[in-house]
Amino acid sequence: MNTEISYDELAKRNRLLEQTFNAVPDLILLLDKEHRIIRANKAMADRLNRTPKALQGKRCFQIVHGTDSPPEDCPHNRLLEDGGEHCLEVFEKRLSGSFMVTVSPVPYNEKEIACVH
């Protein structure tokens, strides 16, 4: 059995994952340990009146909360402390609503975890 995947098949799978990520109506960010946005889905970018590409590399607390540091109850900080999933209900004026915020760790590279926020 040949287990090699062709470039075309890999590109097709990547497009499907990208389409799936952007089809989800939930606001999703993938964050690194410095609170920088690695990826944002279309729903989150639309809510922030930006493109997903324009959000990359920006610190989430600056973009989402308009602050120079994370909120005191930031679930991403809690994840960074203990490596676990966390959930918090918040009202965010800049996003015009209340949200159930969940964070989950995901491997980012050999040495770090990222956060699905």
Protein backbone atom coordinates (compact mmCIF):
# COMPACT_ATOMS: atom_id res chain seq x y z
CA MET A 1 0.00 0.00 0.00
CA ASN A 2 1.40 3.37 -1.03
CA THR A 3 1.10 5.84 1.85
CA GLU A 4 2.64 8.82 0.07
CA ILE A 5 0.31 11.73 -0.57
CA SER A 6 0.67 13.70 -3.77
CA TYR A 7 1.09 17.46 -3.74
CA ASP A 8 -2.34 17.82 -5.37
CA GLU A 9 -3.99 15.67 -2.70
CA LEU A 10 -2.24 17.59 0.06
CA ALA A 11 -3.36 20.90 -1.47
CA LYS A 12 -6.93 19.58 -1.74
CA ARG A 13 -6.94 18.56 1.93
CA ASN A 14 -5.50 21.91 2.95
CA ARG A 15 -8.23 23.77 1.02
CA LEU A 16 -10.90 21.63 2.71
CA LEU A 17 -9.48 22.40 6.17
CA GLU A 18 -9.33 26.10 5.34
CA GLN A 19 -12.91 26.09 4.04
CA THR A 20 -14.07 24.23 7.15
CA PHE A 21 -12.25 26.68 9.47
CA ASN A 22 -13.90 29.61 7.72
CA ALA A 23 -17.35 28.01 7.52
CA VAL A 24 -17.66 27.79 11.31
CA PRO A 25 -19.80 30.71 12.54
CA ASP A 26 -18.03 30.78 15.94
CA LEU A 27 -15.32 33.40 16.40
CA ILE A 28 -12.03 31.48 16.40
CA LEU A 29 -8.44 32.55 16.98
CA LEU A 30 -5.32 30.42 17.12
CA LEU A 31 -2.90 32.12 19.54
CA ASP A 32 0.76 31.60 20.42
CA LYS A 33 2.19 31.88 23.93
CA GLU A 34 2.74 35.62 23.49
CA HIS A 35 -0.97 36.21 22.70
CA ARG A 36 -0.13 36.78 19.04
CA ILE A 37 -2.72 35.71 16.51
CA ILE A 38 -1.45 32.86 14.36
CA ARG A 39 -4.75 32.43 12.50
CA ALA A 40 -8.24 33.90 12.66
CA ASN A 41 -11.30 32.47 10.99
CA LYS A 42 -13.53 34.54 8.72
CA ALA A 43 -16.24 35.00 11.39
CA MET A 44 -13.75 36.55 13.83
CA ALA A 45 -12.16 38.72 11.16
CA ASP A 46 -15.57 39.91 9.98
CA ARG A 47 -16.63 40.78 13.56
CA LEU A 48 -13.44 42.83 13.91
CA ASN A 49 -13.90 44.45 10.47
CA ARG A 50 -10.55 43.10 9.31
CA THR A 51 -9.28 40.31 7.09
CA PRO A 52 -7.85 37.14 8.62
CA LYS A 53 -4.46 38.04 7.11
CA ALA A 54 -4.53 41.51 8.69
CA LEU A 55 -4.97 39.96 12.15
CA GLN A 56 -1.93 37.67 11.93
CA GLY A 57 0.84 38.66 14.31
CA LYS A 58 -1.31 41.10 16.28
CA ARG A 59 -1.82 40.59 20.01
CA CYS A 60 -5.37 39.45 20.71
CA PHE A 61 -5.89 41.68 23.77
CA GLN A 62 -5.01 44.78 21.73
CA ILE A 63 -7.33 43.84 18.87
CA VAL A 64 -10.24 42.34 20.82
CA HIS A 65 -10.18 44.34 24.07
CA GLY A 66 -8.32 47.49 23.05
CA THR A 67 -5.90 47.11 25.98
CA ASP A 68 -2.14 46.90 26.43
CA SER A 69 -2.32 43.67 28.41
CA PRO A 70 -4.64 40.68 28.75
CA PRO A 71 -7.70 40.99 31.01
CA GLU A 72 -7.19 39.77 34.57
CA ASP A 73 -9.43 36.75 33.99
CA CYS A 74 -7.93 35.85 30.59
CA PRO A 75 -8.54 32.14 29.91
CA HIS A 76 -5.52 32.03 27.59
CA ASN A 77 -3.28 33.03 30.52
CA ARG A 78 -4.80 30.22 32.57
CA LEU A 79 -4.11 27.75 29.75
CA LEU A 80 -0.49 28.93 29.59
CA GLU A 81 -0.15 28.37 33.33
CA ASP A 82 -1.56 24.85 33.53
CA GLY A 83 -1.85 23.56 29.95
CA GLY A 84 -5.53 22.80 30.37
CA GLU A 85 -8.80 23.79 28.77
CA HIS A 86 -10.71 26.68 30.29
CA CYS A 87 -14.10 28.29 29.77
CA LEU A 88 -15.38 31.72 30.76
CA GLU A 89 -18.47 33.76 29.94
CA VAL A 90 -17.60 37.36 29.08
CA PHE A 91 -19.21 40.49 27.76
CA GLU A 92 -17.02 42.28 25.25
CA LYS A 93 -18.22 45.75 24.35
CA ARG A 94 -15.93 45.96 21.29
CA LEU A 95 -17.54 42.79 19.88
CA SER A 96 -21.03 43.91 20.88
CA GLY A 97 -22.04 40.90 22.90
CA SER A 98 -21.64 38.20 25.49
CA PHE A 99 -19.60 35.16 24.61
CA MET A 100 -18.80 31.77 26.07
CA VAL A 101 -15.02 31.79 25.60
CA THR A 102 -13.29 28.44 25.55
CA VAL A 103 -9.60 27.79 25.15
CA SER A 104 -7.96 24.49 24.27
CA PRO A 105 -4.26 23.67 23.89
CA VAL A 106 -2.93 22.39 20.57
CA PRO A 107 0.65 21.46 19.61
CA TYR A 108 2.27 24.33 17.72
CA ASN A 109 5.80 23.12 17.25
CA GLU A 110 8.15 20.74 19.02
CA LYS A 111 8.60 23.07 21.99
CA GLU A 112 5.37 25.04 22.30
CA ILE A 113 1.65 24.74 22.51
CA ALA A 114 -0.78 27.14 20.91
CA CYS A 115 -4.31 27.92 21.95
CA VAL A 116 -7.57 27.56 20.07
CA HIS A 117 -9.52 30.49 21.46
